[in-house]
Amino acid sequence: AVGLTGPVARKAAALMQSVATVFHAVDASLIEINPL
């Protein structure tokens, strides 16, 4: 949706899943990455 394709899209998707894991693991209420 943000315009990524190929290997970069796969890396970004893996990073997103890792961020979601962190969010749960540390009981976060906000994680903001700007810019990624």
Full PDB file with SEQRES, HELIX, SHEET, SSBOND, CRYST1, ORIGX, SCALE, CONECT and MASTER records, all heavy atoms in Angstrom:
SEQRES   1 A   36  ALA VAL GLY LEU THR GLY PRO VAL ALA ARG LYS ALA ALA          
SEQRES   2 A   36  ALA LEU MET GLN SER VAL ALA THR VAL PHE HIS ALA VAL          
SEQRES   3 A   36  ASP ALA SER LEU ILE GLU ILE ASN PRO LEU                      
HELIX    1 AA1 GLY A    6  ALA A   25  1                                  20    
CRYST1    1.000    1.000    1.000  90.00  90.00  90.00 P 1           1          
ORIGX1      1.000000  0.000000  0.000000        0.00000                         
ORIGX2      0.000000  1.000000  0.000000        0.00000                         
ORIGX3      0.000000  0.000000  1.000000        0.00000                         
SCALE1      1.000000  0.000000  0.000000        0.00000                         
SCALE2      0.000000  1.000000  0.000000        0.00000                         
SCALE3      0.000000  0.000000  1.000000        0.00000                         
ATOM      1  N   ALA A   1       0.818  -1.215   0.000  1.00  0.00           N  
ATOM      2  CA  ALA A   1       0.000   0.000   0.000  1.00  0.00           C  
ATOM      3  C   ALA A   1       0.850   1.262   0.000  1.00  0.00           C  
ATOM      4  O   ALA A   1       0.432   2.295  -0.537  1.00  0.00           O  
ATOM      5  CB  ALA A   1      -0.942   0.001   1.202  1.00  0.00           C  
ATOM      6  N   VAL A   2       2.041   1.192   0.614  1.00  0.00           N  
ATOM      7  CA  VAL A   2       2.907   2.379   0.647  1.00  0.00           C  
ATOM      8  C   VAL A   2       3.893   2.394  -0.512  1.00  0.00           C  
ATOM      9  O   VAL A   2       4.839   3.184  -0.538  1.00  0.00           O  
ATOM     10  CB  VAL A   2       3.656   2.483   1.995  1.00  0.00           C  
ATOM     11  CG1 VAL A   2       2.676   2.649   3.137  1.00  0.00           C  
ATOM     12  CG2 VAL A   2       4.572   1.278   2.238  1.00  0.00           C  
ATOM     13  N   GLY A   3       3.673   1.513  -1.509  1.00  0.00           N  
ATOM     14  CA  GLY A   3       4.442   1.577  -2.741  1.00  0.00           C  
ATOM     15  C   GLY A   3       5.671   0.706  -2.811  1.00  0.00           C  
ATOM     16  O   GLY A   3       6.462   0.829  -3.751  1.00  0.00           O  
ATOM     17  N   LEU A   4       5.861  -0.179  -1.854  1.00  0.00           N  
ATOM     18  CA  LEU A   4       7.037  -1.047  -1.873  1.00  0.00           C  
ATOM     19  C   LEU A   4       6.755  -2.303  -2.685  1.00  0.00           C  
ATOM     20  O   LEU A   4       5.623  -2.799  -2.739  1.00  0.00           O  
ATOM     21  CB  LEU A   4       7.441  -1.424  -0.445  1.00  0.00           C  
ATOM     22  CG  LEU A   4       7.757  -0.253   0.489  1.00  0.00           C  
ATOM     23  CD1 LEU A   4       8.120  -0.764   1.877  1.00  0.00           C  
ATOM     24  CD2 LEU A   4       8.882   0.609  -0.072  1.00  0.00           C  
ATOM     25  N   THR A   5       7.805  -2.847  -3.281  1.00  0.00           N  
ATOM     26  CA  THR A   5       7.670  -4.053  -4.093  1.00  0.00           C  
ATOM     27  C   THR A   5       8.880  -4.951  -3.884  1.00  0.00           C  
ATOM     28  O   THR A   5       9.896  -4.533  -3.324  1.00  0.00           O  
ATOM     29  CB  THR A   5       7.561  -3.709  -5.592  1.00  0.00           C  
ATOM     30  OG1 THR A   5       8.747  -2.973  -5.987  1.00  0.00           O  
ATOM     31  CG2 THR A   5       6.329  -2.866  -5.885  1.00  0.00           C  
ATOM     32  N   GLY A   6       8.762  -6.187  -4.346  1.00  0.00           N  
ATOM     33  CA  GLY A   6       9.893  -7.102  -4.365  1.00  0.00           C  
ATOM     34  C   GLY A   6      10.526  -7.342  -3.006  1.00  0.00           C  
ATOM     35  O   GLY A   6       9.854  -7.365  -1.975  1.00  0.00           O  
ATOM     36  N   PRO A   7      11.865  -7.500  -2.985  1.00  0.00           N  
ATOM     37  CA  PRO A   7      12.573  -7.793  -1.734  1.00  0.00           C  
ATOM     38  C   PRO A   7      12.386  -6.711  -0.659  1.00  0.00           C  
ATOM     39  O   PRO A   7      12.319  -7.025   0.531  1.00  0.00           O  
ATOM     40  CB  PRO A   7      14.041  -7.884  -2.181  1.00  0.00           C  
ATOM     41  CG  PRO A   7      13.986  -8.232  -3.623  1.00  0.00           C  
ATOM     42  CD  PRO A   7      12.773  -7.530  -4.155  1.00  0.00           C  
ATOM     43  N   VAL A   8      12.294  -5.455  -1.077  1.00  0.00           N  
ATOM     44  CA  VAL A   8      12.113  -4.373  -0.101  1.00  0.00           C  
ATOM     45  C   VAL A   8      10.765  -4.512   0.591  1.00  0.00           C  
ATOM     46  O   VAL A   8      10.652  -4.318   1.808  1.00  0.00           O  
ATOM     47  CB  VAL A   8      12.232  -2.994  -0.783  1.00  0.00           C  
ATOM     48  CG1 VAL A   8      11.875  -1.883   0.194  1.00  0.00           C  
ATOM     49  CG2 VAL A   8      13.639  -2.796  -1.323  1.00  0.00           C  
ATOM     50  N   ALA A   9       9.727  -4.869  -0.143  1.00  0.00           N  
ATOM     51  CA  ALA A   9       8.405  -5.068   0.451  1.00  0.00           C  
ATOM     52  C   ALA A   9       8.444  -6.212   1.458  1.00  0.00           C  
ATOM     53  O   ALA A   9       7.826  -6.127   2.536  1.00  0.00           O  
ATOM     54  CB  ALA A   9       7.366  -5.349  -0.632  1.00  0.00           C  
ATOM     55  N   ARG A  10       9.167  -7.279   1.121  1.00  0.00           N  
ATOM     56  CA  ARG A  10       9.258  -8.409   2.042  1.00  0.00           C  
ATOM     57  C   ARG A  10      10.008  -8.008   3.316  1.00  0.00           C  
ATOM     58  O   ARG A  10       9.622  -8.390   4.422  1.00  0.00           O  
ATOM     59  CB  ARG A  10       9.944  -9.589   1.359  1.00  0.00           C  
ATOM     60  CG  ARG A  10       9.079 -10.248   0.284  1.00  0.00           C  
ATOM     61  CD  ARG A  10       9.643 -11.586  -0.155  1.00  0.00           C  
ATOM     62  NE  ARG A  10      10.907 -11.425  -0.902  1.00  0.00           N  
ATOM     63  CZ  ARG A  10      10.967 -11.232  -2.205  1.00  0.00           C  
ATOM     64  NH1 ARG A  10       9.843 -11.165  -2.930  1.00  0.00           N  
ATOM     65  NH2 ARG A  10      12.139 -11.121  -2.818  1.00  0.00           N  
ATOM     66  N   LYS A  11      11.079  -7.225   3.175  1.00  0.00           N  
ATOM     67  CA  LYS A  11      11.809  -6.750   4.355  1.00  0.00           C  
ATOM     68  C   LYS A  11      10.932  -5.844   5.221  1.00  0.00           C  
ATOM     69  O   LYS A  11      10.944  -5.941   6.451  1.00  0.00           O  
ATOM     70  CB  LYS A  11      13.065  -6.002   3.919  1.00  0.00           C  
ATOM     71  CG  LYS A  11      14.147  -6.870   3.306  1.00  0.00           C  
ATOM     72  CD  LYS A  11      15.338  -6.029   2.878  1.00  0.00           C  
ATOM     73  CE  LYS A  11      16.419  -6.885   2.227  1.00  0.00           C  
ATOM     74  NZ  LYS A  11      17.585  -6.048   1.784  1.00  0.00           N  
ATOM     75  N   ALA A  12      10.190  -4.969   4.574  1.00  0.00           N  
ATOM     76  CA  ALA A  12       9.323  -4.060   5.319  1.00  0.00           C  
ATOM     77  C   ALA A  12       8.238  -4.830   6.053  1.00  0.00           C  
ATOM     78  O   ALA A  12       7.912  -4.533   7.211  1.00  0.00           O  
ATOM     79  CB  ALA A  12       8.697  -3.040   4.374  1.00  0.00           C  
ATOM     80  N   ALA A  13       7.664  -5.842   5.403  1.00  0.00           N  
ATOM     81  CA  ALA A  13       6.628  -6.646   6.043  1.00  0.00           C  
ATOM     82  C   ALA A  13       7.178  -7.386   7.260  1.00  0.00           C  
ATOM     83  O   ALA A  13       6.519  -7.460   8.312  1.00  0.00           O  
ATOM     84  CB  ALA A  13       6.039  -7.636   5.039  1.00  0.00           C  
ATOM     85  N   ALA A  14       8.387  -7.927   7.134  1.00  0.00           N  
ATOM     86  CA  ALA A  14       9.009  -8.616   8.267  1.00  0.00           C  
ATOM     87  C   ALA A  14       9.261  -7.641   9.414  1.00  0.00           C  
ATOM     88  O   ALA A  14       9.053  -7.977  10.589  1.00  0.00           O  
ATOM     89  CB  ALA A  14      10.311  -9.272   7.820  1.00  0.00           C  
ATOM     90  N   LEU A  15       9.696  -6.431   9.081  1.00  0.00           N  
ATOM     91  CA  LEU A  15       9.918  -5.422  10.110  1.00  0.00           C  
ATOM     92  C   LEU A  15       8.620  -5.067  10.812  1.00  0.00           C  
ATOM     93  O   LEU A  15       8.588  -4.930  12.049  1.00  0.00           O  
ATOM     94  CB  LEU A  15      10.554  -4.174   9.492  1.00  0.00           C  
ATOM     95  CG  LEU A  15      10.866  -3.015  10.438  1.00  0.00           C  
ATOM     96  CD1 LEU A  15      12.167  -2.321  10.070  1.00  0.00           C  
ATOM     97  CD2 LEU A  15       9.722  -1.990  10.451  1.00  0.00           C  
ATOM     98  N   MET A  16       7.548  -4.931  10.054  1.00  0.00           N  
ATOM     99  CA  MET A  16       6.252  -4.612  10.661  1.00  0.00           C  
ATOM    100  C   MET A  16       5.829  -5.681  11.651  1.00  0.00           C  
ATOM    101  O   MET A  16       5.321  -5.381  12.742  1.00  0.00           O  
ATOM    102  CB  MET A  16       5.192  -4.451   9.567  1.00  0.00           C  
ATOM    103  CG  MET A  16       5.387  -3.231   8.693  1.00  0.00           C  
ATOM    104  SD  MET A  16       4.201  -3.204   7.314  1.00  0.00           S  
ATOM    105  CE  MET A  16       4.795  -1.811   6.368  1.00  0.00           C  
ATOM    106  N   GLN A  17       6.041  -6.948  11.293  1.00  0.00           N  
ATOM    107  CA  GLN A  17       5.693  -8.022  12.213  1.00  0.00           C  
ATOM    108  C   GLN A  17       6.559  -7.974  13.471  1.00  0.00           C  
ATOM    109  O   GLN A  17       6.081  -8.240  14.580  1.00  0.00           O  
ATOM    110  CB  GLN A  17       5.827  -9.377  11.520  1.00  0.00           C  
ATOM    111  CG  GLN A  17       4.737  -9.636  10.481  1.00  0.00           C  
ATOM    112  CD  GLN A  17       4.793 -11.035   9.925  1.00  0.00           C  
ATOM    113  OE1 GLN A  17       5.674 -11.365   9.130  1.00  0.00           O  
ATOM    114  NE2 GLN A  17       3.860 -11.888  10.347  1.00  0.00           N  
ATOM    115  N   SER A  18       7.827  -7.611  13.312  1.00  0.00           N  
ATOM    116  CA  SER A  18       8.710  -7.487  14.471  1.00  0.00           C  
ATOM    117  C   SER A  18       8.265  -6.347  15.380  1.00  0.00           C  
ATOM    118  O   SER A  18       8.298  -6.464  16.605  1.00  0.00           O  
ATOM    119  CB  SER A  18      10.154  -7.259  14.005  1.00  0.00           C  
ATOM    120  OG  SER A  18      10.654  -8.382  13.311  1.00  0.00           O  
ATOM    121  N   VAL A  19       7.846  -5.237  14.786  1.00  0.00           N  
ATOM    122  CA  VAL A  19       7.361  -4.108  15.576  1.00  0.00           C  
ATOM    123  C   VAL A  19       6.122  -4.516  16.372  1.00  0.00           C  
ATOM    124  O   VAL A  19       5.975  -4.162  17.555  1.00  0.00           O  
ATOM    125  CB  VAL A  19       7.055  -2.895  14.672  1.00  0.00           C  
ATOM    126  CG1 VAL A  19       6.305  -1.811  15.437  1.00  0.00           C  
ATOM    127  CG2 VAL A  19       8.346  -2.335  14.096  1.00  0.00           C  
ATOM    128  N   ALA A  20       5.226  -5.266  15.748  1.00  0.00           N  
ATOM    129  CA  ALA A  20       4.041  -5.740  16.443  1.00  0.00           C  
ATOM    130  C   ALA A  20       4.414  -6.657  17.602  1.00  0.00           C  
ATOM    131  O   ALA A  20       3.781  -6.635  18.664  1.00  0.00           O  
ATOM    132  CB  ALA A  20       3.111  -6.460  15.468  1.00  0.00           C  
ATOM    133  N   THR A  21       5.453  -7.464  17.410  1.00  0.00           N  
ATOM    134  CA  THR A  21       5.938  -8.337  18.483  1.00  0.00           C  
ATOM    135  C   THR A  21       6.470  -7.521  19.652  1.00  0.00           C  
ATOM    136  O   THR A  21       6.187  -7.815  20.815  1.00  0.00           O  
ATOM    137  CB  THR A  21       7.035  -9.271  17.951  1.00  0.00           C  
ATOM    138  OG1 THR A  21       6.502 -10.088  16.912  1.00  0.00           O  
ATOM    139  CG2 THR A  21       7.573 -10.163  19.071  1.00  0.00           C  
ATOM    140  N   VAL A  22       7.236  -6.479  19.347  1.00  0.00           N  
ATOM    141  CA  VAL A  22       7.764  -5.603  20.395  1.00  0.00           C  
ATOM    142  C   VAL A  22       6.618  -4.950  21.161  1.00  0.00           C  
ATOM    143  O   VAL A  22       6.635  -4.865  22.390  1.00  0.00           O  
ATOM    144  CB  VAL A  22       8.676  -4.518  19.789  1.00  0.00           C  
ATOM    145  CG1 VAL A  22       9.167  -3.556  20.884  1.00  0.00           C  
ATOM    146  CG2 VAL A  22       9.861  -5.149  19.087  1.00  0.00           C  
ATOM    147  N   PHE A  23       5.642  -4.459  20.431  1.00  0.00           N  
ATOM    148  CA  PHE A  23       4.493  -3.770  21.036  1.00  0.00           C  
ATOM    149  C   PHE A  23       3.862  -4.626  22.126  1.00  0.00           C  
ATOM    150  O   PHE A  23       3.561  -4.151  23.227  1.00  0.00           O  
ATOM    151  CB  PHE A  23       3.477  -3.456  19.936  1.00  0.00           C  
ATOM    152  CG  PHE A  23       2.356  -2.546  20.364  1.00  0.00           C  
ATOM    153  CD1 PHE A  23       2.518  -1.176  20.337  1.00  0.00           C  
ATOM    154  CD2 PHE A  23       1.130  -3.067  20.768  1.00  0.00           C  
ATOM    155  CE1 PHE A  23       1.475  -0.323  20.709  1.00  0.00           C  
ATOM    156  CE2 PHE A  23       0.091  -2.233  21.146  1.00  0.00           C  
ATOM    157  CZ  PHE A  23       0.267  -0.853  21.115  1.00  0.00           C  
ATOM    158  N   HIS A  24       3.688  -5.900  21.828  1.00  0.00           N  
ATOM    159  CA  HIS A  24       3.087  -6.822  22.795  1.00  0.00           C  
ATOM    160  C   HIS A  24       4.074  -7.177  23.903  1.00  0.00           C  
ATOM    161  O   HIS A  24       3.709  -7.228  25.082  1.00  0.00           O  
ATOM    162  CB  HIS A  24       2.629  -8.093  22.079  1.00  0.00           C  
ATOM    163  CG  HIS A  24       2.094  -9.150  22.992  1.00  0.00           C  
ATOM    164  ND1 HIS A  24       0.837  -9.087  23.551  1.00  0.00           N  
ATOM    165  CD2 HIS A  24       2.667 -10.292  23.467  1.00  0.00           C  
ATOM    166  CE1 HIS A  24       0.648 -10.142  24.324  1.00  0.00           C  
ATOM    167  NE2 HIS A  24       1.737 -10.893  24.286  1.00  0.00           N  
ATOM    168  N   ALA A  25       5.332  -7.388  23.543  1.00  0.00           N  
ATOM    169  CA  ALA A  25       6.321  -7.881  24.503  1.00  0.00           C  
ATOM    170  C   ALA A  25       6.641  -6.877  25.605  1.00  0.00           C  
ATOM    171  O   ALA A  25       6.968  -7.271  26.723  1.00  0.00           O  
ATOM    172  CB  ALA A  25       7.607  -8.261  23.766  1.00  0.00           C  
ATOM    173  N   VAL A  26       6.553  -5.578  25.288  1.00  0.00           N  
ATOM    174  CA  VAL A  26       6.914  -4.558  26.289  1.00  0.00           C  
ATOM    175  C   VAL A  26       5.695  -3.819  26.822  1.00  0.00           C  
ATOM    176  O   VAL A  26       5.844  -2.856  27.570  1.00  0.00           O  
ATOM    177  CB  VAL A  26       7.935  -3.551  25.713  1.00  0.00           C  
ATOM    178  CG1 VAL A  26       9.188  -4.260  25.243  1.00  0.00           C  
ATOM    179  CG2 VAL A  26       7.336  -2.704  24.595  1.00  0.00           C  
ATOM    180  N   ASP A  27       4.488  -4.266  26.469  1.00  0.00           N  
ATOM    181  CA  ASP A  27       3.259  -3.592  26.886  1.00  0.00           C  
ATOM    182  C   ASP A  27       3.291  -2.115  26.491  1.00  0.00           C  
ATOM    183  O   ASP A  27       3.064  -1.217  27.309  1.00  0.00           O  
ATOM    184  CB  ASP A  27       3.047  -3.720  28.396  1.00  0.00           C  
ATOM    185  CG  ASP A  27       2.625  -5.111  28.805  1.00  0.00           C  
ATOM    186  OD1 ASP A  27       1.692  -5.641  28.173  1.00  0.00           O  
ATOM    187  OD2 ASP A  27       3.216  -5.671  29.739  1.00  0.00           O  
ATOM    188  N   ALA A  28       3.573  -1.869  25.223  1.00  0.00           N  
ATOM    189  CA  ALA A  28       3.607  -0.488  24.731  1.00  0.00           C  
ATOM    190  C   ALA A  28       2.192   0.018  24.480  1.00  0.00           C  
ATOM    191  O   ALA A  28       1.267  -0.760  24.214  1.00  0.00           O  
ATOM    192  CB  ALA A  28       4.422  -0.405  23.444  1.00  0.00           C  
ATOM    193  N   SER A  29       2.031   1.316  24.594  1.00  0.00           N  
ATOM    194  CA  SER A  29       0.774   1.944  24.187  1.00  0.00           C  
ATOM    195  C   SER A  29       0.959   2.702  22.876  1.00  0.00           C  
ATOM    196  O   SER A  29      -0.017   3.064  22.228  1.00  0.00           O  
ATOM    197  CB  SER A  29       0.263   2.892  25.274  1.00  0.00           C  
ATOM    198  OG  SER A  29       1.235   3.876  25.588  1.00  0.00           O  
ATOM    199  N   LEU A  30       2.210   2.926  22.489  1.00  0.00           N  
ATOM    200  CA  LEU A  30       2.508   3.602  21.220  1.00  0.00           C  
ATOM    201  C   LEU A  30       3.909   3.242  20.754  1.00  0.00           C  
ATOM    202  O   LEU A  30       4.854   3.249  21.545  1.00  0.00           O  
ATOM    203  CB  LEU A  30       2.425   5.121  21.397  1.00  0.00           C  
ATOM    204  CG  LEU A  30       2.926   5.971  20.218  1.00  0.00           C  
ATOM    205  CD1 LEU A  30       1.970   5.859  19.033  1.00  0.00           C  
ATOM    206  CD2 LEU A  30       3.102   7.427  20.621  1.00  0.00           C  
ATOM    207  N   ILE A  31       4.029   2.897  19.484  1.00  0.00           N  
ATOM    208  CA  ILE A  31       5.320   2.825  18.807  1.00  0.00           C  
ATOM    209  C   ILE A  31       5.165   3.593  17.505  1.00  0.00           C  
ATOM    210  O   ILE A  31       4.293   3.280  16.692  1.00  0.00           O  
ATOM    211  CB  ILE A  31       5.770   1.384  18.521  1.00  0.00           C  
ATOM    212  CG1 ILE A  31       6.009   0.619  19.825  1.00  0.00           C  
ATOM    213  CG2 ILE A  31       7.046   1.389  17.672  1.00  0.00           C  
ATOM    214  CD1 ILE A  31       6.457  -0.824  19.619  1.00  0.00           C  
ATOM    215  N   GLU A  32       6.000   4.578  17.320  1.00  0.00           N  
ATOM    216  CA  GLU A  32       5.930   5.402  16.114  1.00  0.00           C  
ATOM    217  C   GLU A  32       7.325   5.503  15.516  1.00  0.00           C  
ATOM    218  O   GLU A  32       8.269   5.898  16.197  1.00  0.00           O  
ATOM    219  CB  GLU A  32       5.393   6.794  16.447  1.00  0.00           C  
ATOM    220  CG  GLU A  32       5.088   7.643  15.226  1.00  0.00           C  
ATOM    221  CD  GLU A  32       4.410   8.949  15.606  1.00  0.00           C  
ATOM    222  OE1 GLU A  32       4.966   9.683  16.437  1.00  0.00           O  
ATOM    223  OE2 GLU A  32       3.321   9.227  15.075  1.00  0.00           O  
ATOM    224  N   ILE A  33       7.432   5.137  14.245  1.00  0.00           N  
ATOM    225  CA  ILE A  33       8.697   5.210  13.513  1.00  0.00           C  
ATOM    226  C   ILE A  33       8.506   6.193  12.371  1.00  0.00           C  
ATOM    227  O   ILE A  33       7.826   5.889  11.392  1.00  0.00           O  
ATOM    228  CB  ILE A  33       9.116   3.822  12.982  1.00  0.00           C  
ATOM    229  CG1 ILE A  33       9.277   2.833  14.144  1.00  0.00           C  
ATOM    230  CG2 ILE A  33      10.411   3.929  12.185  1.00  0.00           C  
ATOM    231  CD1 ILE A  33       9.536   1.402  13.699  1.00  0.00           C  
ATOM    232  N   ASN A  34       9.093   7.355  12.508  1.00  0.00           N  
ATOM    233  CA  ASN A  34       8.909   8.411  11.514  1.00  0.00           C  
ATOM    234  C   ASN A  34      10.186   9.250  11.395  1.00  0.00           C  
ATOM    235  O   ASN A  34      10.433  10.114  12.213  1.00  0.00           O  
ATOM    236  CB  ASN A  34       7.738   9.309  11.909  1.00  0.00           C  
ATOM    237  CG  ASN A  34       7.356  10.275  10.799  1.00  0.00           C  
ATOM    238  OD1 ASN A  34       7.660  10.040   9.637  1.00  0.00           O  
ATOM    239  ND2 ASN A  34       6.694  11.366  11.164  1.00  0.00           N  
ATOM    240  N   PRO A  35      11.007   8.931  10.379  1.00  0.00           N  
ATOM    241  CA  PRO A  35      10.665   8.044   9.267  1.00  0.00           C  
ATOM    242  C   PRO A  35      11.193   6.617   9.428  1.00  0.00           C  
ATOM    243  O   PRO A  35      12.183   6.373  10.111  1.00  0.00           O  
ATOM    244  CB  PRO A  35      11.357   8.712   8.092  1.00  0.00           C  
ATOM    245  CG  PRO A  35      12.606   9.301   8.700  1.00  0.00           C  
ATOM    246  CD  PRO A  35      12.201   9.743  10.088  1.00  0.00           C  
ATOM    247  N   LEU A  36      10.501   5.727   8.752  1.00  0.00           N  
ATOM    248  CA  LEU A  36      11.015   4.397   8.437  1.00  0.00           C  
ATOM    249  C   LEU A  36      11.642   4.546   7.056  1.00  0.00           C  
ATOM    250  O   LEU A  36      10.968   4.982   6.122  1.00  0.00           O  
ATOM    251  CB  LEU A  36       9.872   3.393   8.408  1.00  0.00           C  
ATOM    252  CG  LEU A  36      10.216   1.959   7.995  1.00  0.00           C  
ATOM    253  CD1 LEU A  36      11.034   1.282   9.066  1.00  0.00           C  
ATOM    254  CD2 LEU A  36       8.934   1.167   7.719  1.00  0.00           C  
TER     255      LEU A  36                                                      
MASTER        0    0    0    1    0    0    0    6  254    1    0    3          
END                                                                             
